[in-house]
Amino acid sequence: MPSVLVAFLIAVLMIAVCVGSIIDRPNTRVSNERIANTESQFSKQFGFWREASQGYEEVVNPQTKKLFDLIYRKTLVRIYVIADRYFIMQNGNHG
């Protein structure tokens, strides 16, 4: 008998969570309310890695860049360097 009661209680809780999630659904998307400041979201330095100075150019597939421009409102690309030898590229998109 107790297992039936526990099963019934779990079923009632699942239904309550389902109804609550439908009632509490947001009306607008966060990305529609504001465009995030991507400059502040990605640090210019982390650990020994620092943002590379000007003079380095990104190598990007033109079709991919067109697609990103179509999909995202804002794109940030940063190139980091460590010990003037190793490079990594970080790409942040929003919208």
Protein backbone atom coordinates (compact mmCIF):
# COMPACT_ATOMS: atom_id res chain seq x y z
CA MET A 1 0.00 0.00 0.00
CA PRO A 2 2.74 2.56 0.77
CA SER A 3 4.30 2.05 -2.68
CA VAL A 4 0.98 2.96 -4.33
CA LEU A 5 0.80 6.12 -2.21
CA VAL A 6 4.38 7.09 -3.15
CA ALA A 7 3.67 6.48 -6.84
CA PHE A 8 0.52 8.61 -6.63
CA LEU A 9 2.40 11.40 -4.84
CA ILE A 10 5.16 11.38 -7.48
CA ALA A 11 2.55 11.50 -10.27
CA VAL A 12 0.82 14.49 -8.64
CA LEU A 13 4.16 16.31 -8.28
CA MET A 14 5.06 15.66 -11.94
CA ILE A 15 1.72 17.06 -13.09
CA ALA A 16 2.15 20.13 -10.85
CA VAL A 17 5.61 20.80 -12.29
CA CYS A 18 4.28 20.42 -15.82
CA VAL A 19 1.44 22.90 -15.21
CA GLY A 20 3.79 25.29 -13.42
CA SER A 21 6.25 25.30 -16.31
CA ILE A 22 3.47 26.15 -18.76
CA ILE A 23 2.19 28.99 -16.57
CA ASP A 24 5.66 30.43 -15.90
CA ARG A 25 6.80 30.44 -19.56
CA PRO A 26 8.40 33.79 -20.54
CA ASN A 27 6.68 35.86 -23.22
CA THR A 28 9.80 37.30 -24.87
CA ARG A 29 13.26 35.96 -25.55
CA VAL A 30 16.17 37.52 -23.70
CA SER A 31 18.00 38.03 -27.00
CA ASN A 32 15.11 40.18 -28.25
CA GLU A 33 15.18 42.45 -25.19
CA ARG A 34 18.78 43.55 -25.51
CA ILE A 35 21.93 42.81 -27.42
CA ALA A 36 24.60 41.66 -25.01
CA ASN A 37 27.87 43.54 -24.75
CA THR A 38 30.16 40.85 -26.10
CA GLU A 39 33.24 43.00 -25.44
CA SER A 40 32.70 42.66 -21.69
CA GLN A 41 31.73 38.97 -21.81
CA PHE A 42 35.11 37.80 -23.07
CA SER A 43 38.18 38.89 -21.16
CA LYS A 44 41.16 40.37 -22.94
CA GLN A 45 43.53 38.22 -20.91
CA PHE A 46 43.32 34.92 -19.04
CA GLY A 47 46.22 33.15 -17.39
CA PHE A 48 49.32 33.70 -19.52
CA TRP A 49 47.23 34.20 -22.66
CA ARG A 50 46.68 37.79 -23.77
CA GLU A 51 44.85 39.35 -26.67
CA ALA A 52 47.11 39.61 -29.71
CA SER A 53 47.94 43.10 -30.86
CA GLN A 54 46.74 44.34 -34.23
CA GLY A 55 48.35 42.90 -37.31
CA TYR A 56 46.97 39.36 -37.18
CA GLU A 57 44.22 38.50 -39.57
CA GLU A 58 41.62 35.80 -39.13
CA VAL A 59 41.32 33.15 -41.80
CA VAL A 60 37.63 32.45 -42.22
CA ASN A 61 35.64 30.60 -44.84
CA PRO A 62 33.59 33.32 -46.64
CA GLN A 63 30.47 31.13 -46.78
CA THR A 64 30.67 30.51 -43.03
CA LYS A 65 31.11 34.23 -42.33
CA LYS A 66 28.04 35.02 -44.47
CA LEU A 67 26.02 32.41 -42.61
CA PHE A 68 27.13 33.75 -39.20
CA ASP A 69 26.23 37.30 -40.26
CA LEU A 70 22.80 36.05 -41.32
CA ILE A 71 22.13 34.09 -38.11
CA TYR A 72 23.70 36.28 -35.40
CA ARG A 73 23.24 39.97 -34.70
CA LYS A 74 26.62 40.46 -33.12
CA THR A 75 29.87 38.54 -33.53
CA LEU A 76 33.14 39.03 -31.68
CA VAL A 77 36.39 37.37 -32.69
CA ARG A 78 39.44 37.57 -30.47
CA ILE A 79 42.88 36.16 -31.15
CA TYR A 80 44.98 35.27 -28.11
CA VAL A 81 48.73 34.68 -28.00
CA ILE A 82 51.08 33.12 -25.45
CA ALA A 83 54.83 33.66 -25.48
CA ASP A 84 54.54 35.19 -28.97
CA ARG A 85 54.41 31.68 -30.43
CA TYR A 86 51.05 30.01 -29.98
CA PHE A 87 47.73 31.45 -31.08
CA ILE A 88 44.11 30.57 -30.44
CA MET A 89 40.98 32.21 -31.81
CA GLN A 90 37.82 32.70 -29.79
CA ASN A 91 34.54 33.40 -31.52
CA GLY A 92 31.57 34.73 -29.54
CA ASN A 93 28.13 35.13 -31.11
CA HIS A 94 24.91 36.64 -29.81
CA GLY A 95 21.42 37.04 -31.14
